Amino acid sequence: MLRIEKHSDGCVSRLRLIGRIQSDSIAGIRSAMNDGCARKILDLSEVKLVDIAVVRFLIGCEDEGIELVQCPPYVREWMLRERAEGAQPESPDAA
C-alpha cells in the first residue's frame, strides 16, 4: 500500500512516497505531480518495495528532470541496471 504526502513551497513540489509502490500507483503519483510547479522532487526515503514498471517510471521521472532523493540503494541499483540494459544494442542473434 502506498501513501503520498505532498508539500509545496512556492514553485517546488515535494512528494514523499511511503510504503510499497506498484504499477497501479503510477497514475496517482503522476496526478499528484501535476500541480504546475516547475521543480518536482520525489522523496523515496520510506519506500519499501517497487516493481519493474515503477523502476521504469522512476527512470522516466529522472529523464524529465524530476529529482529523486533518499532513493533506497536496491532501487537505485535496479534503475542503473535497467538503464544499462536499455542502452545495450540488440544482438543480431536475438530473434
Protein backbone atom coordinates (compact mmCIF):
# COMPACT_ATOMS: atom_id res chain seq x y z
CA MET A 1 0.00 0.00 0.00
CA LEU A 2 1.25 3.46 -0.92
CA ARG A 3 0.78 6.70 0.96
CA ILE A 4 1.67 10.03 -0.63
CA GLU A 5 2.45 13.14 1.42
CA LYS A 6 2.60 16.32 -0.62
CA HIS A 7 4.40 19.50 0.36
CA SER A 8 4.56 22.58 -1.86
CA ASP A 9 6.71 25.61 -1.29
CA GLY A 10 6.23 28.19 -3.99
CA CYS A 11 7.33 26.58 -7.22
CA VAL A 12 8.77 23.44 -5.59
CA SER A 13 6.59 20.38 -5.14
CA ARG A 14 7.85 17.53 -2.95
CA LEU A 15 6.10 14.17 -2.82
CA ARG A 16 7.07 11.80 -0.05
CA LEU A 17 6.22 8.24 -1.06
CA ILE A 18 5.71 5.79 1.77
CA GLY A 19 5.32 2.02 1.57
CA ARG A 20 5.00 -0.19 -1.50
CA ILE A 21 4.81 1.31 -4.96
CA GLN A 22 3.24 -0.91 -7.59
CA SER A 23 2.42 -0.22 -11.22
CA ASP A 24 -1.20 0.63 -10.38
CA SER A 25 0.08 3.51 -8.20
CA ILE A 26 1.87 5.32 -11.04
CA ALA A 27 -1.22 7.20 -12.26
CA GLY A 28 -1.84 8.54 -8.75
CA ILE A 29 1.77 9.70 -8.43
CA ARG A 30 1.59 11.42 -11.82
CA SER A 31 -1.65 13.12 -10.83
CA ALA A 32 -0.13 14.38 -7.57
CA MET A 33 2.83 15.81 -9.52
CA ASN A 34 0.61 17.76 -11.94
CA ASP A 35 0.36 20.92 -9.90
CA GLY A 36 2.14 23.37 -12.17
CA CYS A 37 5.29 23.56 -10.05
CA ALA A 38 8.47 23.94 -12.05
CA ARG A 39 10.62 21.86 -9.69
CA LYS A 40 9.46 18.43 -8.61
CA ILE A 41 11.05 16.17 -6.00
CA LEU A 42 10.18 12.58 -5.17
CA ASP A 43 11.33 11.58 -1.68
CA LEU A 44 11.75 7.80 -1.64
CA SER A 45 13.18 7.50 1.89
CA GLU A 46 10.32 5.33 3.12
CA VAL A 47 9.73 3.22 0.02
CA LYS A 48 9.82 -0.45 0.93
CA LEU A 49 9.11 -2.28 -2.33
CA VAL A 50 8.78 -1.47 -6.04
CA ASP A 51 8.13 -3.44 -9.22
CA ILE A 52 9.73 -3.19 -12.67
CA ALA A 53 7.09 -0.78 -14.01
CA VAL A 54 7.86 1.57 -11.12
CA VAL A 55 11.61 1.33 -11.75
CA ARG A 56 10.98 2.33 -15.38
CA PHE A 57 8.66 5.12 -14.23
CA LEU A 58 11.36 6.47 -11.89
CA ILE A 59 13.91 6.39 -14.72
CA GLY A 60 11.47 8.40 -16.83
CA CYS A 61 10.99 10.85 -13.97
CA GLU A 62 14.73 11.47 -13.76
CA ASP A 63 14.88 11.86 -17.54
CA GLU A 64 12.18 14.55 -17.25
CA GLY A 65 14.21 16.43 -14.63
CA ILE A 66 12.32 15.24 -11.56
CA GLU A 67 14.72 14.90 -8.64
CA LEU A 68 14.76 11.60 -6.73
CA VAL A 69 16.02 11.96 -3.16
CA GLN A 70 16.71 9.36 -0.49
CA CYS A 71 16.38 6.59 -3.09
CA PRO A 72 16.86 3.15 -1.47
CA PRO A 73 20.12 1.55 -2.67
CA TYR A 74 18.36 -1.50 -4.15
CA VAL A 75 16.06 0.75 -6.20
CA ARG A 76 18.98 2.87 -7.44
CA GLU A 77 20.92 -0.28 -8.41
CA TRP A 78 17.89 -1.68 -10.23
CA MET A 79 17.49 1.62 -12.09
CA LEU A 80 21.17 1.57 -13.11
CA ARG A 81 20.87 -1.99 -14.38
CA GLU A 82 17.66 -1.23 -16.25
CA ARG A 83 19.28 1.81 -17.90
CA ALA A 84 22.32 -0.26 -18.88
CA GLU A 85 20.16 -3.00 -20.39
CA GLY A 86 18.17 -0.42 -22.31
CA ALA A 87 21.37 1.07 -23.71
CA GLN A 88 22.70 -2.25 -24.99
CA PRO A 89 22.32 -2.73 -28.75
CA GLU A 90 20.35 -5.82 -29.63
CA SER A 91 22.40 -8.78 -30.73
CA PRO A 92 21.82 -9.88 -34.34
CA ASP A 93 21.49 -13.43 -32.95
CA ALA A 94 18.47 -12.42 -30.81
CA ALA A 95 15.27 -13.39 -32.52
